[in-house]
Amino acid sequence: MNTFNHKIQTISIAFLFIFANILTAQEDDILPFGADSVYQEYYLGFNLNSNMNGGLVNFALVKPLPNGKTKVILLTKDDFVYQAKGKMKSLGNPHKVDLFEKYKIENLAVLDNLWKLRYREYPFFTREKMSMGWSENDSIPFLPTGAQMEILRGFGINRFTDYIYDKEAFRLLSAMEDPQWVKAYKESY
């Protein structure tokens, strides 16, 4: 009986050891939010296409696909800002980095100027006087000139339905804060 009890104890200890290792391994596989080894599939971005809700810009989480297309999860402007600031859990910012700070974007009001890249005049009726847009296309007032589109292509925008995302999106926002860049954009016709 002693030998049998010893075998049972040995087997029990072995099972406990194996079970403890399995639990520890499972815990190691579950990484906390913001861990360095989190794989990032989605990126924060936007496009300059108007939407059915009356917005002139679509904010989104964008996942590039191998076929060159993208999968998009639309966001509100507020959710975009919270996620980009690292204040809200985000597939597009899993490390909780303040992307506005990283790309030296000083004023979040730049998001309200994105429509100016496409339009000469604010396209909706409002009671308040809106400043002029930056598009200089006389023949088609809701599209930039060819030279302006060439500038936007440098950020990854070939069509207004294209989503600009990741560092290119924030690089564009940063450029829009530079009065020299805005001047050059407005004078490109």
C-alpha atoms as a PDB file:
ATOM      1  CA  MET A   1       0.000   0.000   0.000  1.00  0.00           C
ATOM      2  CA  ASN A   2       2.879   2.320   0.697  1.00  0.00           C
ATOM      3  CA  THR A   3       4.183   1.936  -2.820  1.00  0.00           C
ATOM      4  CA  PHE A   4       0.701   2.538  -4.226  1.00  0.00           C
ATOM      5  CA  ASN A   5       0.247   5.724  -2.128  1.00  0.00           C
ATOM      6  CA  HIS A   6       3.675   6.906  -3.176  1.00  0.00           C
ATOM      7  CA  LYS A   7       2.799   6.369  -6.855  1.00  0.00           C
ATOM      8  CA  ILE A   8      -0.504   8.252  -6.404  1.00  0.00           C
ATOM      9  CA  GLN A   9       1.304  11.125  -4.706  1.00  0.00           C
ATOM     10  CA  THR A  10       3.935  11.240  -7.435  1.00  0.00           C
ATOM     11  CA  ILE A  11       1.294  11.199 -10.179  1.00  0.00           C
ATOM     12  CA  SER A  12      -0.758  13.851  -8.344  1.00  0.00           C
ATOM     13  CA  ILE A  13       2.266  16.113  -7.969  1.00  0.00           C
ATOM     14  CA  ALA A  14       3.115  15.614 -11.649  1.00  0.00           C
ATOM     15  CA  PHE A  15      -0.450  16.525 -12.676  1.00  0.00           C
ATOM     16  CA  LEU A  16      -0.412  19.571 -10.415  1.00  0.00           C
ATOM     17  CA  PHE A  17       2.909  20.655 -11.894  1.00  0.00           C
ATOM     18  CA  ILE A  18       1.638  20.170 -15.472  1.00  0.00           C
ATOM     19  CA  PHE A  19      -1.677  21.909 -14.667  1.00  0.00           C
ATOM     20  CA  ALA A  20       0.134  24.853 -13.054  1.00  0.00           C
ATOM     21  CA  ASN A  21       2.375  25.195 -16.124  1.00  0.00           C
ATOM     22  CA  ILE A  22      -0.661  25.131 -18.415  1.00  0.00           C
ATOM     23  CA  LEU A  23      -2.357  27.859 -16.373  1.00  0.00           C
ATOM     24  CA  THR A  24       0.795  29.964 -16.324  1.00  0.00           C
ATOM     25  CA  ALA A  25       1.278  29.518 -20.066  1.00  0.00           C
ATOM     26  CA  GLN A  26      -2.306  30.609 -20.678  1.00  0.00           C
ATOM     27  CA  GLU A  27      -1.806  33.681 -18.521  1.00  0.00           C
ATOM     28  CA  ASP A  28       1.354  34.540 -20.440  1.00  0.00           C
ATOM     29  CA  ASP A  29      -0.569  34.328 -23.728  1.00  0.00           C
ATOM     30  CA  ILE A  30      -3.111  36.881 -22.522  1.00  0.00           C
ATOM     31  CA  LEU A  31      -1.310  40.185 -22.927  1.00  0.00           C
ATOM     32  CA  PRO A  32      -2.565  43.263 -21.126  1.00  0.00           C
ATOM     33  CA  PHE A  33      -3.927  46.152 -23.193  1.00  0.00           C
ATOM     34  CA  GLY A  34      -1.048  48.192 -24.539  1.00  0.00           C
ATOM     35  CA  ALA A  35       1.575  45.426 -24.318  1.00  0.00           C
ATOM     36  CA  ASP A  36       4.498  45.791 -26.739  1.00  0.00           C
ATOM     37  CA  SER A  37       3.859  42.543 -28.576  1.00  0.00           C
ATOM     38  CA  VAL A  38       0.273  43.370 -29.572  1.00  0.00           C
ATOM     39  CA  TYR A  39      -0.162  42.883 -33.305  1.00  0.00           C
ATOM     40  CA  GLN A  40      -1.791  45.872 -34.960  1.00  0.00           C
ATOM     41  CA  GLU A  41      -4.174  45.086 -37.830  1.00  0.00           C
ATOM     42  CA  TYR A  42      -6.199  48.311 -37.836  1.00  0.00           C
ATOM     43  CA  TYR A  43      -5.075  51.918 -38.132  1.00  0.00           C
ATOM     44  CA  LEU A  44      -6.834  55.184 -37.437  1.00  0.00           C
ATOM     45  CA  GLY A  45      -7.717  57.163 -40.517  1.00  0.00           C
ATOM     46  CA  PHE A  46     -10.282  59.111 -42.514  1.00  0.00           C
ATOM     47  CA  ASN A  47     -11.414  59.931 -46.011  1.00  0.00           C
ATOM     48  CA  LEU A  48     -12.675  63.149 -47.580  1.00  0.00           C
ATOM     49  CA  ASN A  49     -15.928  61.690 -48.844  1.00  0.00           C
ATOM     50  CA  SER A  50     -19.189  63.130 -47.570  1.00  0.00           C
ATOM     51  CA  ASN A  51     -21.549  60.731 -45.844  1.00  0.00           C
ATOM     52  CA  MET A  52     -25.288  60.208 -45.430  1.00  0.00           C
ATOM     53  CA  ASN A  53     -25.241  61.740 -41.956  1.00  0.00           C
ATOM     54  CA  GLY A  54     -24.249  65.122 -43.357  1.00  0.00           C
ATOM     55  CA  GLY A  55     -20.577  64.839 -42.498  1.00  0.00           C
ATOM     56  CA  LEU A  56     -17.891  65.881 -44.928  1.00  0.00           C
ATOM     57  CA  VAL A  57     -15.319  63.424 -43.570  1.00  0.00           C
ATOM     58  CA  ASN A  58     -15.509  59.772 -42.503  1.00  0.00           C
ATOM     59  CA  PHE A  59     -13.362  58.809 -39.517  1.00  0.00           C
ATOM     60  CA  ALA A  60     -12.560  55.127 -39.233  1.00  0.00           C
ATOM     61  CA  LEU A  61     -10.468  52.191 -38.175  1.00  0.00           C
ATOM     62  CA  VAL A  62      -8.878  50.908 -41.374  1.00  0.00           C
ATOM     63  CA  LYS A  63      -7.491  47.425 -41.953  1.00  0.00           C
ATOM     64  CA  PRO A  64      -5.410  47.041 -45.136  1.00  0.00           C
ATOM     65  CA  LEU A  65      -6.151  43.730 -46.874  1.00  0.00           C
ATOM     66  CA  PRO A  66      -3.715  41.679 -48.990  1.00  0.00           C
ATOM     67  CA  ASN A  67      -5.758  42.360 -52.158  1.00  0.00           C
ATOM     68  CA  GLY A  68      -5.144  46.112 -51.846  1.00  0.00           C
ATOM     69  CA  LYS A  69      -8.619  46.863 -50.508  1.00  0.00           C
ATOM     70  CA  THR A  70      -9.426  47.910 -46.962  1.00  0.00           C
ATOM     71  CA  LYS A  71     -11.840  46.830 -44.271  1.00  0.00           C
ATOM     72  CA  VAL A  72     -13.347  49.851 -42.524  1.00  0.00           C
ATOM     73  CA  ILE A  73     -15.059  50.339 -39.168  1.00  0.00           C
ATOM     74  CA  LEU A  74     -16.584  53.819 -39.060  1.00  0.00           C
ATOM     75  CA  LEU A  75     -16.013  55.977 -35.992  1.00  0.00           C
ATOM     76  CA  THR A  76     -17.476  59.203 -34.742  1.00  0.00           C
ATOM     77  CA  LYS A  77     -15.113  62.152 -34.691  1.00  0.00           C
ATOM     78  CA  ASP A  78     -15.076  62.019 -30.874  1.00  0.00           C
ATOM     79  CA  ASP A  79     -14.175  58.313 -30.834  1.00  0.00           C
ATOM     80  CA  PHE A  80     -11.433  58.986 -33.387  1.00  0.00           C
ATOM     81  CA  VAL A  81     -10.008  61.709 -31.126  1.00  0.00           C
ATOM     82  CA  TYR A  82     -10.219  59.616 -27.929  1.00  0.00           C
ATOM     83  CA  GLN A  83      -8.605  56.635 -29.624  1.00  0.00           C
ATOM     84  CA  ALA A  84      -5.886  58.740 -31.265  1.00  0.00           C
ATOM     85  CA  LYS A  85      -5.095  60.335 -27.907  1.00  0.00           C
ATOM     86  CA  GLY A  86      -4.826  56.870 -26.315  1.00  0.00           C
ATOM     87  CA  LYS A  87      -7.713  57.644 -23.965  1.00  0.00           C
ATOM     88  CA  MET A  88      -9.968  54.875 -25.311  1.00  0.00           C
ATOM     89  CA  LYS A  89      -9.140  51.250 -26.061  1.00  0.00           C
ATOM     90  CA  SER A  90      -8.510  51.007 -29.783  1.00  0.00           C
ATOM     91  CA  LEU A  91      -7.606  48.418 -32.389  1.00  0.00           C
ATOM     92  CA  GLY A  92      -5.959  51.308 -34.224  1.00  0.00           C
ATOM     93  CA  ASN A  93      -3.866  52.437 -31.255  1.00  0.00           C
ATOM     94  CA  PRO A  94      -3.245  49.362 -29.078  1.00  0.00           C
ATOM     95  CA  HIS A  95      -0.220  50.931 -27.381  1.00  0.00           C
ATOM     96  CA  LYS A  96      -2.271  53.934 -26.177  1.00  0.00           C
ATOM     97  CA  VAL A  97       0.131  56.475 -27.718  1.00  0.00           C
ATOM     98  CA  ASP A  98      -1.044  60.072 -28.027  1.00  0.00           C
ATOM     99  CA  LEU A  99      -0.750  60.220 -31.813  1.00  0.00           C
ATOM    100  CA  PHE A 100      -1.518  63.943 -31.904  1.00  0.00           C
ATOM    101  CA  GLU A 101       1.455  64.574 -29.660  1.00  0.00           C
ATOM    102  CA  LYS A 102       3.648  62.095 -31.555  1.00  0.00           C
ATOM    103  CA  TYR A 103       2.975  63.866 -34.863  1.00  0.00           C
ATOM    104  CA  LYS A 104       3.152  67.331 -33.281  1.00  0.00           C
ATOM    105  CA  ILE A 105      -0.475  68.256 -33.981  1.00  0.00           C
ATOM    106  CA  GLU A 106      -1.141  71.145 -31.646  1.00  0.00           C
ATOM    107  CA  ASN A 107      -4.778  72.002 -32.302  1.00  0.00           C
ATOM    108  CA  LEU A 108      -7.455  69.357 -32.724  1.00  0.00           C
ATOM    109  CA  ALA A 109      -9.554  71.931 -34.599  1.00  0.00           C
ATOM    110  CA  VAL A 110      -7.479  70.893 -37.629  1.00  0.00           C
ATOM    111  CA  LEU A 111      -9.950  67.996 -37.934  1.00  0.00           C
ATOM    112  CA  ASP A 112     -12.679  70.548 -38.607  1.00  0.00           C
ATOM    113  CA  ASN A 113     -10.652  71.877 -41.542  1.00  0.00           C
ATOM    114  CA  LEU A 114     -10.396  68.613 -43.463  1.00  0.00           C
ATOM    115  CA  TRP A 115     -13.349  69.651 -45.651  1.00  0.00           C
ATOM    116  CA  LYS A 116     -11.269  72.603 -46.879  1.00  0.00           C
ATOM    117  CA  LEU A 117      -8.984  70.248 -48.797  1.00  0.00           C
ATOM    118  CA  ARG A 118     -11.868  69.341 -51.092  1.00  0.00           C
ATOM    119  CA  TYR A 119     -14.220  72.330 -51.218  1.00  0.00           C
ATOM    120  CA  ARG A 120     -13.943  76.006 -52.092  1.00  0.00           C
ATOM    121  CA  GLU A 121     -17.040  76.912 -50.060  1.00  0.00           C
ATOM    122  CA  TYR A 122     -18.639  75.049 -47.204  1.00  0.00           C
ATOM    123  CA  PRO A 123     -21.196  72.878 -49.054  1.00  0.00           C
ATOM    124  CA  PHE A 124     -24.064  73.069 -46.556  1.00  0.00           C
ATOM    125  CA  PHE A 125     -26.221  75.968 -45.525  1.00  0.00           C
ATOM    126  CA  THR A 126     -25.390  77.216 -42.034  1.00  0.00           C
ATOM    127  CA  ARG A 127     -26.443  80.269 -40.081  1.00  0.00           C
ATOM    128  CA  GLU A 128     -22.879  81.082 -39.216  1.00  0.00           C
ATOM    129  CA  LYS A 129     -20.409  82.445 -41.721  1.00  0.00           C
ATOM    130  CA  MET A 130     -17.936  79.730 -42.672  1.00  0.00           C
ATOM    131  CA  SER A 131     -14.424  80.523 -43.793  1.00  0.00           C
ATOM    132  CA  MET A 132     -13.468  79.637 -47.344  1.00  0.00           C
ATOM    133  CA  GLY A 133     -12.108  76.248 -48.282  1.00  0.00           C
ATOM    134  CA  TRP A 134      -8.713  75.741 -49.856  1.00  0.00           C
ATOM    135  CA  SER A 135      -9.784  74.192 -53.155  1.00  0.00           C
ATOM    136  CA  GLU A 136      -9.153  76.522 -56.083  1.00  0.00           C
ATOM    137  CA  ASN A 137     -11.074  74.610 -58.734  1.00  0.00           C
ATOM    138  CA  ASP A 138     -13.237  77.172 -60.563  1.00  0.00           C
ATOM    139  CA  SER A 139     -14.988  74.698 -62.833  1.00  0.00           C
ATOM    140  CA  ILE A 140     -15.876  72.070 -60.206  1.00  0.00           C
ATOM    141  CA  PRO A 141     -16.174  73.755 -56.780  1.00  0.00           C
ATOM    142  CA  PHE A 142     -16.403  70.478 -54.842  1.00  0.00           C
ATOM    143  CA  LEU A 143     -13.096  69.087 -56.111  1.00  0.00           C
ATOM    144  CA  PRO A 144      -9.520  70.290 -55.726  1.00  0.00           C
ATOM    145  CA  THR A 145      -7.482  71.204 -58.764  1.00  0.00           C
ATOM    146  CA  GLY A 146      -5.275  68.618 -60.459  1.00  0.00           C
ATOM    147  CA  ALA A 147      -2.209  70.116 -58.766  1.00  0.00           C
ATOM    148  CA  GLN A 148      -3.940  69.949 -55.368  1.00  0.00           C
ATOM    149  CA  MET A 149      -4.859  66.294 -55.996  1.00  0.00           C
ATOM    150  CA  GLU A 150      -1.194  65.662 -56.752  1.00  0.00           C
ATOM    151  CA  ILE A 151      -0.328  67.042 -53.299  1.00  0.00           C
ATOM    152  CA  LEU A 152      -2.963  64.793 -51.699  1.00  0.00           C
ATOM    153  CA  ARG A 153      -1.593  61.761 -53.587  1.00  0.00           C
ATOM    154  CA  GLY A 154       1.627  62.308 -51.642  1.00  0.00           C
ATOM    155  CA  PHE A 155      -0.369  61.361 -48.535  1.00  0.00           C
ATOM    156  CA  GLY A 156      -2.083  58.349 -50.154  1.00  0.00           C
ATOM    157  CA  ILE A 157      -5.319  59.970 -51.358  1.00  0.00           C
ATOM    158  CA  ASN A 158      -5.970  59.070 -55.005  1.00  0.00           C
ATOM    159  CA  ARG A 159      -9.777  59.342 -54.772  1.00  0.00           C
ATOM    160  CA  PHE A 160     -12.003  60.812 -52.082  1.00  0.00           C
ATOM    161  CA  THR A 161     -13.277  57.350 -51.287  1.00  0.00           C
ATOM    162  CA  ASP A 162      -9.708  56.293 -50.374  1.00  0.00           C
ATOM    163  CA  TYR A 163      -8.974  56.133 -46.685  1.00  0.00           C
ATOM    164  CA  ILE A 164      -5.774  57.779 -45.554  1.00  0.00           C
ATOM    165  CA  TYR A 165      -4.575  56.042 -42.406  1.00  0.00           C
ATOM    166  CA  ASP A 166      -1.753  55.436 -39.987  1.00  0.00           C
ATOM    167  CA  LYS A 167       1.165  57.875 -40.097  1.00  0.00           C
ATOM    168  CA  GLU A 168       0.086  59.394 -43.444  1.00  0.00           C
ATOM    169  CA  ALA A 169      -3.195  60.597 -41.920  1.00  0.00           C
ATOM    170  CA  PHE A 170      -1.432  62.268 -39.021  1.00  0.00           C
ATOM    171  CA  ARG A 171       1.280  63.634 -41.293  1.00  0.00           C
ATOM    172  CA  LEU A 172      -1.452  65.337 -43.361  1.00  0.00           C
ATOM    173  CA  LEU A 173      -3.085  66.783 -40.240  1.00  0.00           C
ATOM    174  CA  SER A 174       0.296  68.089 -39.114  1.00  0.00           C
ATOM    175  CA  ALA A 175       0.932  69.653 -42.543  1.00  0.00           C
ATOM    176  CA  MET A 176      -2.473  71.360 -42.410  1.00  0.00           C
ATOM    177  CA  GLU A 177      -1.329  73.276 -39.320  1.00  0.00           C
ATOM    178  CA  ASP A 178       1.586  74.783 -41.234  1.00  0.00           C
ATOM    179  CA  PRO A 179       0.522  78.115 -42.820  1.00  0.00           C
ATOM    180  CA  GLN A 180       3.217  77.713 -45.496  1.00  0.00           C
ATOM    181  CA  TRP A 181       1.825  74.314 -46.500  1.00  0.00           C
ATOM    182  CA  VAL A 182      -1.728  75.707 -46.619  1.00  0.00           C
ATOM    183  CA  LYS A 183      -0.529  78.637 -48.753  1.00  0.00           C
ATOM    184  CA  ALA A 184       1.253  76.267 -51.164  1.00  0.00           C
ATOM    185  CA  TYR A 185      -1.853  74.038 -51.318  1.00  0.00           C
ATOM    186  CA  LYS A 186      -4.169  76.996 -52.028  1.00  0.00           C
ATOM    187  CA  GLU A 187      -1.841  78.306 -54.743  1.00  0.00           C
ATOM    188  CA  SER A 188      -1.617  74.947 -56.550  1.00  0.00           C
ATOM    189  CA  TYR A 189      -3.819  75.227 -59.612  1.00  0.00           C
END
